[in-house]
Structures are given as structure tokens and as C-alpha cells.
Amino acid sequence: MATSTVWPIAAIVLLAFSVIMIPRRRWLELVPSAVLGGFVLSYVVQILGGILLGLWTYNSMSLPVLGMPLWLAVAFAAEVMLFLHFLPEAQGTRLVYIIVFSAALGLADFAMARFGLKTFSRWNSYYSVFLFVAVHYVVVFIDSYIRQQQRAATK
């Protein structure tokens, strides 16, 4: 199969949006959360779901690492930055926000499958929405922990 340019384009577009929409100081504050909650966590999910359980595979990859395009991990890191920057404080609103973000990622997951960039085995995009809800809650936890550690270090 030919290597797809979708992966680097998605990463570059999401990174550009994050740079444009997030103030520089805040963007730099979000880098640790994006690396752990976006980049690293996406590979943890890939190792568990894609490699160990064999629930999905990626096709036409550019820069494959552990069976997933490196660009996809970069794109998810940028998505995490946008997600955290606009995350509301109110718990009820936060739940709706997480569901909307997760549904959008589920739609992207469906598009990847539809265009042959991802193949599911005993899995589908509907399940992915629930997975993305859980992942976003983990991202919120990681960000809260990092901010707590940063506050403790400045005292």
C-alpha cells in the first residue's frame, strides 16, 4: 500500500490550530500534559488495544511506531492541548464537553476506517467513543496531577 499523507497533514493542521488558538504561555504550560496525556497515552492505548488485543490495525502508515503512525500520536498530543485549554470548570458542562470531544474523535475514527486507514477486528467506532471518553478523563487526571506538582515545586 502507498504511504498516506493524511497522517502528517492531520498532525500539522492540529498543531497549527493549537498554536493559533492557545496563547503562547498557556501552550507551553500544556506541553507536559500533551506529551503524557496525548502522545504517550495514545501509544499505551495502541499497545493494549491494537497490539495485545488485536482490535484494530492502521494501514498506509508514514513513520510507523508500534503499529501506529507517529503522526497520529503527534495529532493526539495537539488535540489534548486544545481539549485542555478549553476544558470548562463546571462538572456538568465538563461531562458534555468530554462527550462532544469523544464523539468528534469517534467520527474521525469512523472516517479512518471508511477511507481504509484503519481496520477493525472485533471493534468499531462506537466502541471508540466510549474509549475516548475514558481517555479524556485520564487526560484530565494527568493534567491535574502535573499542575499540582508544578504548584508544589514553585512553593
N, C-alpha and C. Protein backbone atom coordinates (compact mmCIF):
# COMPACT_ATOMS: atom_id res chain seq x y z
N MET A 1 0.82 -1.19 0.00
CA MET A 1 0.00 0.00 0.00
C MET A 1 0.86 1.25 0.00
N ALA A 2 0.37 2.27 -0.62
CA ALA A 2 1.07 3.54 -0.65
C ALA A 2 0.98 4.22 0.72
N THR A 3 2.03 4.93 1.07
CA THR A 3 2.04 5.66 2.33
C THR A 3 1.10 6.85 2.23
N SER A 4 0.25 7.00 3.21
CA SER A 4 -0.74 8.07 3.20
C SER A 4 -0.16 9.36 3.75
N THR A 5 -0.52 10.46 3.11
CA THR A 5 -0.12 11.79 3.60
C THR A 5 -1.14 12.34 4.59
N VAL A 6 -2.22 11.60 4.83
CA VAL A 6 -3.25 12.05 5.77
C VAL A 6 -2.66 12.23 7.16
N TRP A 7 -1.81 11.30 7.59
CA TRP A 7 -1.26 11.35 8.94
C TRP A 7 -0.46 12.62 9.21
N PRO A 8 0.53 12.95 8.39
CA PRO A 8 1.27 14.19 8.68
C PRO A 8 0.42 15.45 8.51
N ILE A 9 -0.50 15.44 7.55
CA ILE A 9 -1.36 16.61 7.36
C ILE A 9 -2.24 16.83 8.58
N ALA A 10 -2.83 15.77 9.12
CA ALA A 10 -3.66 15.89 10.32
C ALA A 10 -2.86 16.43 11.49
N ALA A 11 -1.65 15.93 11.67
CA ALA A 11 -0.80 16.40 12.77
C ALA A 11 -0.44 17.87 12.60
N ILE A 12 -0.07 18.26 11.40
CA ILE A 12 0.32 19.65 11.15
C ILE A 12 -0.86 20.59 11.33
N VAL A 13 -2.03 20.20 10.83
CA VAL A 13 -3.23 21.04 10.97
C VAL A 13 -3.60 21.21 12.44
N LEU A 14 -3.62 20.12 13.21
CA LEU A 14 -3.96 20.22 14.63
C LEU A 14 -2.92 21.01 15.41
N LEU A 15 -1.65 20.81 15.09
CA LEU A 15 -0.61 21.62 15.75
C LEU A 15 -0.76 23.09 15.42
N ALA A 16 -1.07 23.40 14.16
CA ALA A 16 -1.27 24.80 13.76
C ALA A 16 -2.46 25.41 14.50
N PHE A 17 -3.56 24.66 14.59
CA PHE A 17 -4.73 25.14 15.35
C PHE A 17 -4.36 25.40 16.80
N SER A 18 -3.59 24.50 17.39
CA SER A 18 -3.22 24.68 18.79
C SER A 18 -2.35 25.92 18.97
N VAL A 19 -1.44 26.16 18.05
CA VAL A 19 -0.57 27.34 18.14
C VAL A 19 -1.37 28.63 17.94
N ILE A 20 -2.33 28.60 17.03
CA ILE A 20 -3.14 29.79 16.73
C ILE A 20 -4.14 30.08 17.85
N MET A 21 -4.77 29.04 18.39
CA MET A 21 -5.88 29.23 19.31
C MET A 21 -5.48 29.32 20.79
N ILE A 22 -4.28 28.88 21.12
CA ILE A 22 -3.86 28.87 22.52
C ILE A 22 -2.76 29.91 22.70
N PRO A 23 -2.90 30.81 23.68
CA PRO A 23 -1.83 31.78 23.94
C PRO A 23 -0.50 31.07 24.23
N ARG A 24 0.59 31.70 23.82
CA ARG A 24 1.91 31.07 23.88
C ARG A 24 2.25 30.55 25.29
N ARG A 25 2.05 31.37 26.29
CA ARG A 25 2.38 30.97 27.66
C ARG A 25 1.58 29.72 28.08
N ARG A 26 0.30 29.73 27.78
CA ARG A 26 -0.57 28.59 28.11
C ARG A 26 -0.18 27.36 27.30
N TRP A 27 0.19 27.57 26.04
CA TRP A 27 0.61 26.47 25.17
C TRP A 27 1.82 25.77 25.79
N LEU A 28 2.78 26.56 26.25
CA LEU A 28 3.97 25.99 26.87
C LEU A 28 3.63 25.26 28.17
N GLU A 29 2.67 25.77 28.94
CA GLU A 29 2.23 25.10 30.16
C GLU A 29 1.59 23.74 29.86
N LEU A 30 0.95 23.64 28.70
CA LEU A 30 0.24 22.41 28.34
C LEU A 30 1.13 21.34 27.72
N VAL A 31 2.36 21.67 27.38
CA VAL A 31 3.24 20.70 26.72
C VAL A 31 3.42 19.42 27.54
N PRO A 32 3.71 19.48 28.85
CA PRO A 32 3.86 18.21 29.59
C PRO A 32 2.59 17.35 29.57
N SER A 33 1.43 17.98 29.71
CA SER A 33 0.17 17.23 29.66
C SER A 33 -0.06 16.64 28.28
N ALA A 34 0.32 17.38 27.24
CA ALA A 34 0.15 16.89 25.87
C ALA A 34 1.07 15.71 25.59
N VAL A 35 2.29 15.78 26.12
CA VAL A 35 3.23 14.69 25.90
C VAL A 35 2.76 13.43 26.62
N LEU A 36 2.41 13.57 27.91
CA LEU A 36 1.97 12.38 28.67
C LEU A 36 0.54 11.96 28.32
N GLY A 37 -0.39 12.91 28.32
CA GLY A 37 -1.79 12.60 28.11
C GLY A 37 -2.17 12.42 26.66
N GLY A 38 -1.35 12.91 25.75
CA GLY A 38 -1.64 12.78 24.33
C GLY A 38 -0.73 11.76 23.66
N PHE A 39 0.53 12.11 23.57
CA PHE A 39 1.49 11.29 22.84
C PHE A 39 1.69 9.92 23.50
N VAL A 40 2.08 9.91 24.76
CA VAL A 40 2.38 8.64 25.45
C VAL A 40 1.11 7.81 25.63
N LEU A 41 0.03 8.45 26.07
CA LEU A 41 -1.22 7.71 26.30
C LEU A 41 -1.75 7.09 25.01
N SER A 42 -1.58 7.77 23.88
CA SER A 42 -2.05 7.19 22.61
C SER A 42 -1.30 5.89 22.30
N TYR A 43 -0.01 5.84 22.65
CA TYR A 43 0.75 4.61 22.44
C TYR A 43 0.38 3.53 23.46
N VAL A 44 0.05 3.92 24.68
CA VAL A 44 -0.41 2.94 25.67
C VAL A 44 -1.70 2.27 25.17
N VAL A 45 -2.63 3.10 24.67
CA VAL A 45 -3.89 2.57 24.13
C VAL A 45 -3.60 1.68 22.92
N GLN A 46 -2.68 2.10 22.05
CA GLN A 46 -2.33 1.31 20.88
C GLN A 46 -1.72 -0.03 21.28
N ILE A 47 -0.83 -0.01 22.27
CA ILE A 47 -0.20 -1.27 22.70
C ILE A 47 -1.26 -2.22 23.25
N LEU A 48 -2.14 -1.69 24.10
CA LEU A 48 -3.18 -2.54 24.70
C LEU A 48 -4.21 -3.00 23.67
N GLY A 49 -4.81 -2.05 22.96
CA GLY A 49 -5.90 -2.38 22.03
C GLY A 49 -5.45 -2.90 20.68
N GLY A 50 -4.44 -2.26 20.12
CA GLY A 50 -4.01 -2.63 18.77
C GLY A 50 -3.08 -3.82 18.72
N ILE A 51 -2.11 -3.86 19.65
CA ILE A 51 -1.12 -4.94 19.60
C ILE A 51 -1.53 -6.14 20.44
N LEU A 52 -1.77 -5.93 21.73
CA LEU A 52 -2.07 -7.06 22.61
C LEU A 52 -3.43 -7.69 22.33
N LEU A 53 -4.46 -6.87 22.17
CA LEU A 53 -5.81 -7.42 21.94
C LEU A 53 -6.16 -7.57 20.46
N GLY A 54 -5.39 -6.93 19.58
CA GLY A 54 -5.63 -7.06 18.14
C GLY A 54 -6.97 -6.51 17.68
N LEU A 55 -7.43 -5.43 18.30
CA LEU A 55 -8.75 -4.88 17.97
C LEU A 55 -8.74 -4.00 16.73
N TRP A 56 -7.60 -3.46 16.35
CA TRP A 56 -7.50 -2.62 15.17
C TRP A 56 -6.07 -2.61 14.65
N THR A 57 -5.94 -2.25 13.40
CA THR A 57 -4.63 -2.03 12.78
C THR A 57 -4.71 -0.78 11.92
N TYR A 58 -3.59 -0.12 11.76
CA TYR A 58 -3.51 1.06 10.90
C TYR A 58 -2.89 0.66 9.58
N ASN A 59 -3.35 1.28 8.51
CA ASN A 59 -2.88 0.99 7.16
C ASN A 59 -2.24 2.23 6.56
N SER A 60 -1.44 2.05 5.55
CA SER A 60 -0.83 3.16 4.80
C SER A 60 -0.13 4.15 5.72
N MET A 61 0.68 3.64 6.62
CA MET A 61 1.31 4.50 7.62
C MET A 61 2.58 5.15 7.12
N SER A 62 2.74 6.41 7.53
CA SER A 62 4.03 7.07 7.38
C SER A 62 4.61 7.16 8.78
N LEU A 63 5.85 6.82 8.92
CA LEU A 63 6.55 6.77 10.21
C LEU A 63 5.84 5.86 11.22
N PRO A 64 5.71 4.56 10.92
CA PRO A 64 5.06 3.67 11.87
C PRO A 64 5.94 3.40 13.09
N VAL A 65 5.33 3.48 14.27
CA VAL A 65 6.00 3.15 15.53
C VAL A 65 5.00 2.32 16.33
N LEU A 66 5.37 1.11 16.69
CA LEU A 66 4.49 0.20 17.44
C LEU A 66 3.14 0.00 16.76
N GLY A 67 3.15 -0.10 15.45
CA GLY A 67 1.93 -0.37 14.71
C GLY A 67 0.99 0.81 14.54
N MET A 68 1.46 2.01 14.87
CA MET A 68 0.63 3.22 14.75
C MET A 68 1.49 4.33 14.14
N PRO A 69 0.89 5.16 13.28
CA PRO A 69 1.67 6.25 12.72
C PRO A 69 2.11 7.23 13.81
N LEU A 70 3.38 7.56 13.82
CA LEU A 70 3.90 8.54 14.76
C LEU A 70 3.12 9.85 14.66
N TRP A 71 2.72 10.18 13.44
CA TRP A 71 1.96 11.42 13.20
C TRP A 71 0.63 11.44 13.96
N LEU A 72 0.02 10.26 14.12
CA LEU A 72 -1.25 10.19 14.84
C LEU A 72 -1.05 10.52 16.32
N ALA A 73 0.05 10.08 16.88
CA ALA A 73 0.36 10.41 18.28
C ALA A 73 0.62 11.92 18.42
N VAL A 74 1.29 12.50 17.44
CA VAL A 74 1.52 13.96 17.45
C VAL A 74 0.19 14.70 17.34
N ALA A 75 -0.68 14.23 16.45
CA ALA A 75 -2.00 14.85 16.29
C ALA A 75 -2.81 14.75 17.58
N PHE A 76 -2.72 13.61 18.26
CA PHE A 76 -3.48 13.46 19.50
C PHE A 76 -2.90 14.37 20.59
N ALA A 77 -1.61 14.57 20.61
CA ALA A 77 -1.00 15.49 21.57
C ALA A 77 -1.53 16.91 21.34
N ALA A 78 -1.64 17.32 20.08
CA ALA A 78 -2.19 18.64 19.77
C ALA A 78 -3.67 18.71 20.15
N GLU A 79 -4.41 17.63 19.92
CA GLU A 79 -5.83 17.59 20.31
C GLU A 79 -5.96 17.73 21.82
N VAL A 80 -5.08 17.09 22.56
CA VAL A 80 -5.11 17.18 24.02
C VAL A 80 -4.87 18.62 24.48
N MET A 81 -3.97 19.31 23.81
CA MET A 81 -3.73 20.72 24.16
C MET A 81 -4.99 21.56 23.96
N LEU A 82 -5.63 21.38 22.83
CA LEU A 82 -6.87 22.12 22.56
C LEU A 82 -7.95 21.73 23.56
N PHE A 83 -8.08 20.44 23.81
CA PHE A 83 -9.07 19.93 24.76
C PHE A 83 -8.87 20.56 26.14
N LEU A 84 -7.65 20.53 26.65
CA LEU A 84 -7.38 21.05 27.99
C LEU A 84 -7.50 22.56 28.07
N HIS A 85 -7.11 23.24 27.03
CA HIS A 85 -7.19 24.70 27.06
C HIS A 85 -8.63 25.19 27.21
N PHE A 86 -9.55 24.55 26.53
CA PHE A 86 -10.95 24.98 26.55
C PHE A 86 -11.81 24.19 27.54
N LEU A 87 -11.19 23.31 28.33
CA LEU A 87 -11.93 22.49 29.29
C LEU A 87 -12.65 23.37 30.31
N PRO A 88 -13.99 23.24 30.42
CA PRO A 88 -14.73 24.06 31.39
C PRO A 88 -14.51 23.55 32.82
N GLU A 89 -14.69 24.44 33.77
CA GLU A 89 -14.52 24.09 35.19
C GLU A 89 -15.75 23.37 35.75
N ALA A 90 -16.94 23.77 35.34
CA ALA A 90 -18.18 23.20 35.88
C ALA A 90 -18.29 21.72 35.49
N GLN A 91 -18.57 20.87 36.49
CA GLN A 91 -18.59 19.42 36.27
C GLN A 91 -19.63 18.97 35.23
N GLY A 92 -20.85 19.51 35.29
CA GLY A 92 -21.88 19.12 34.33
C GLY A 92 -21.51 19.51 32.91
N THR A 93 -20.98 20.70 32.76
CA THR A 93 -20.54 21.18 31.45
C THR A 93 -19.34 20.38 30.98
N ARG A 94 -18.47 20.02 31.90
CA ARG A 94 -17.27 19.25 31.58
C ARG A 94 -17.64 17.89 30.99
N LEU A 95 -18.65 17.24 31.56
CA LEU A 95 -19.09 15.93 31.05
C LEU A 95 -19.57 16.06 29.60
N VAL A 96 -20.39 17.07 29.33
CA VAL A 96 -20.89 17.28 27.96
C VAL A 96 -19.72 17.57 27.02
N TYR A 97 -18.79 18.39 27.48
CA TYR A 97 -17.60 18.75 26.70
C TYR A 97 -16.79 17.49 26.35
N ILE A 98 -16.57 16.63 27.33
CA ILE A 98 -15.81 15.39 27.10
C ILE A 98 -16.55 14.49 26.11
N ILE A 99 -17.85 14.40 26.25
CA ILE A 99 -18.64 13.57 25.32
C ILE A 99 -18.57 14.12 23.90
N VAL A 100 -18.66 15.44 23.76
CA VAL A 100 -18.58 16.06 22.42
C VAL A 100 -17.21 15.81 21.80
N PHE A 101 -16.14 16.02 22.56
CA PHE A 101 -14.78 15.76 22.04
C PHE A 101 -14.63 14.29 21.66
N SER A 102 -15.13 13.41 22.51
CA SER A 102 -15.02 11.97 22.25
C SER A 102 -15.82 11.55 21.02
N ALA A 103 -16.99 12.13 20.86
CA ALA A 103 -17.81 11.84 19.67
C ALA A 103 -17.11 12.32 18.41
N ALA A 104 -16.47 13.48 18.48
CA ALA A 104 -15.72 14.00 17.32
C ALA A 104 -14.57 13.06 16.97
N LEU A 105 -13.88 12.56 17.98
CA LEU A 105 -12.80 11.61 17.71
C LEU A 105 -13.36 10.28 17.20
N GLY A 106 -14.53 9.88 17.69
CA GLY A 106 -15.18 8.67 17.17
C GLY A 106 -15.53 8.83 15.70
N LEU A 107 -15.97 10.03 15.33
CA LEU A 107 -16.25 10.33 13.92
C LEU A 107 -14.98 10.26 13.08
N ALA A 108 -13.89 10.79 13.62
CA ALA A 108 -12.61 10.71 12.91
C ALA A 108 -12.17 9.25 12.78
N ASP A 109 -12.40 8.46 13.83
CA ASP A 109 -12.07 7.04 13.81
C ASP A 109 -12.89 6.32 12.73
N PHE A 110 -14.17 6.67 12.64
CA PHE A 110 -15.05 6.11 11.60
C PHE A 110 -14.53 6.48 10.21
N ALA A 111 -14.12 7.75 10.05
CA ALA A 111 -13.59 8.20 8.75
C ALA A 111 -12.31 7.45 8.40
N MET A 112 -11.45 7.23 9.39
CA MET A 112 -10.22 6.47 9.12
C MET A 112 -10.56 5.07 8.61
N ALA A 113 -11.53 4.43 9.24
CA ALA A 113 -11.94 3.09 8.80
C ALA A 113 -12.59 3.13 7.42
N ARG A 114 -13.43 4.12 7.21
CA ARG A 114 -14.15 4.25 5.93
C ARG A 114 -13.19 4.46 4.76
N PHE A 115 -12.11 5.22 5.00
CA PHE A 115 -11.15 5.51 3.94
C PHE A 115 -9.98 4.53 3.91
N GLY A 116 -10.09 3.45 4.69
CA GLY A 116 -9.09 2.39 4.63
C GLY A 116 -7.80 2.67 5.38
N LEU A 117 -7.81 3.66 6.26
CA LEU A 117 -6.61 3.99 7.02
C LEU A 117 -6.51 3.17 8.31
N LYS A 118 -7.63 2.59 8.71
CA LYS A 118 -7.68 1.79 9.94
C LYS A 118 -8.64 0.63 9.69
N THR A 119 -8.28 -0.54 10.19
CA THR A 119 -9.11 -1.73 10.05
C THR A 119 -9.46 -2.23 11.44
N PHE A 120 -10.75 -2.51 11.66
CA PHE A 120 -11.22 -3.00 12.95
C PHE A 120 -11.37 -4.52 12.92
N SER A 121 -11.09 -5.14 14.07
CA SER A 121 -11.32 -6.56 14.26
C SER A 121 -11.94 -6.70 15.66
N ARG A 122 -13.20 -7.10 15.72
CA ARG A 122 -13.94 -7.17 16.99
C ARG A 122 -14.03 -5.80 17.67
N TRP A 123 -14.08 -4.75 16.91
CA TRP A 123 -14.11 -3.38 17.42
C TRP A 123 -14.81 -2.53 16.39
N ASN A 124 -15.33 -1.37 16.81
CA ASN A 124 -15.89 -0.42 15.86
C ASN A 124 -15.80 0.99 16.42
N SER A 125 -16.20 1.95 15.63
CA SER A 125 -16.09 3.37 16.02
C SER A 125 -16.99 3.72 17.19
N TYR A 126 -18.08 3.02 17.35
CA TYR A 126 -18.96 3.28 18.50
C TYR A 126 -18.25 2.95 19.81
N TYR A 127 -17.54 1.83 19.82
CA TYR A 127 -16.76 1.47 21.00
C TYR A 127 -15.67 2.52 21.24
N SER A 128 -15.12 3.03 20.15
CA SER A 128 -14.05 4.03 20.26
C SER A 128 -14.52 5.27 21.00
N VAL A 129 -15.77 5.67 20.80
CA VAL A 129 -16.30 6.85 21.50
C VAL A 129 -16.20 6.64 23.01
N PHE A 130 -16.59 5.47 23.49
CA PHE A 130 -16.51 5.16 24.92
C PHE A 130 -15.05 5.12 25.39
N LEU A 131 -14.19 4.57 24.55
CA LEU A 131 -12.76 4.55 24.87
C LEU A 131 -12.23 5.99 24.97
N PHE A 132 -12.64 6.85 24.03
CA PHE A 132 -12.18 8.24 24.05
C PHE A 132 -12.69 8.99 25.27
N VAL A 133 -13.89 8.68 25.74
CA VAL A 133 -14.39 9.29 26.98
C VAL A 133 -13.44 8.92 28.13
N ALA A 134 -13.13 7.64 28.24
CA ALA A 134 -12.21 7.20 29.30
C ALA A 134 -10.84 7.85 29.16
N VAL A 135 -10.33 7.90 27.93
CA VAL A 135 -9.02 8.50 27.68
C VAL A 135 -9.02 9.98 28.09
N HIS A 136 -10.09 10.70 27.76
CA HIS A 136 -10.14 12.12 28.13
C HIS A 136 -10.22 12.32 29.64
N TYR A 137 -10.87 11.43 30.34
CA TYR A 137 -10.85 11.51 31.81
C TYR A 137 -9.45 11.25 32.35
N VAL A 138 -8.73 10.33 31.75
CA VAL A 138 -7.34 10.09 32.14
C VAL A 138 -6.49 11.32 31.84
N VAL A 139 -6.73 11.96 30.71
CA VAL A 139 -6.02 13.19 30.35
C VAL A 139 -6.26 14.27 31.39
N VAL A 140 -7.50 14.43 31.83
CA VAL A 140 -7.83 15.43 32.85
C VAL A 140 -7.09 15.09 34.15
N PHE A 141 -7.04 13.82 34.50
CA PHE A 141 -6.32 13.41 35.71
C PHE A 141 -4.83 13.72 35.58
N ILE A 142 -4.24 13.37 34.45
CA ILE A 142 -2.82 13.62 34.22
C ILE A 142 -2.52 15.12 34.31
N ASP A 143 -3.35 15.93 33.66
CA ASP A 143 -3.15 17.38 33.69
C ASP A 143 -3.27 17.92 35.11
N SER A 144 -4.26 17.45 35.86
CA SER A 144 -4.43 17.90 37.25
C SER A 144 -3.21 17.53 38.09
N TYR A 145 -2.70 16.33 37.89
CA TYR A 145 -1.53 15.88 38.63
C TYR A 145 -0.30 16.73 38.29
N ILE A 146 -0.09 16.98 37.00
CA ILE A 146 1.05 17.78 36.56
C ILE A 146 0.96 19.19 37.13
N ARG A 147 -0.22 19.80 37.06
CA ARG A 147 -0.39 21.16 37.60
C ARG A 147 -0.16 21.17 39.11
N GLN A 148 -0.62 20.15 39.80
CA GLN A 148 -0.41 20.06 41.26
C GLN A 148 1.09 19.97 41.57
N GLN A 149 1.82 19.18 40.81
CA GLN A 149 3.26 19.05 41.01
C GLN A 149 3.99 20.35 40.70
N GLN A 150 3.54 21.05 39.65
CA GLN A 150 4.15 22.33 39.30
C GLN A 150 3.91 23.37 40.40
N ARG A 151 2.71 23.39 40.96
CA ARG A 151 2.40 24.33 42.07
C ARG A 151 3.26 24.00 43.28
N ALA A 152 3.42 22.72 43.59
CA ALA A 152 4.21 22.31 44.74
C ALA A 152 5.69 22.68 44.55
N ALA A 153 6.16 22.60 43.32
CA ALA A 153 7.56 22.93 43.04
C ALA A 153 7.84 24.42 43.16
N THR A 154 6.83 25.26 42.92
CA THR A 154 7.02 26.71 43.00
C THR A 154 6.89 27.24 44.41
N LYS A 155 6.40 26.43 45.34
CA LYS A 155 6.25 26.88 46.73
C LYS A 155 7.52 26.81 47.50
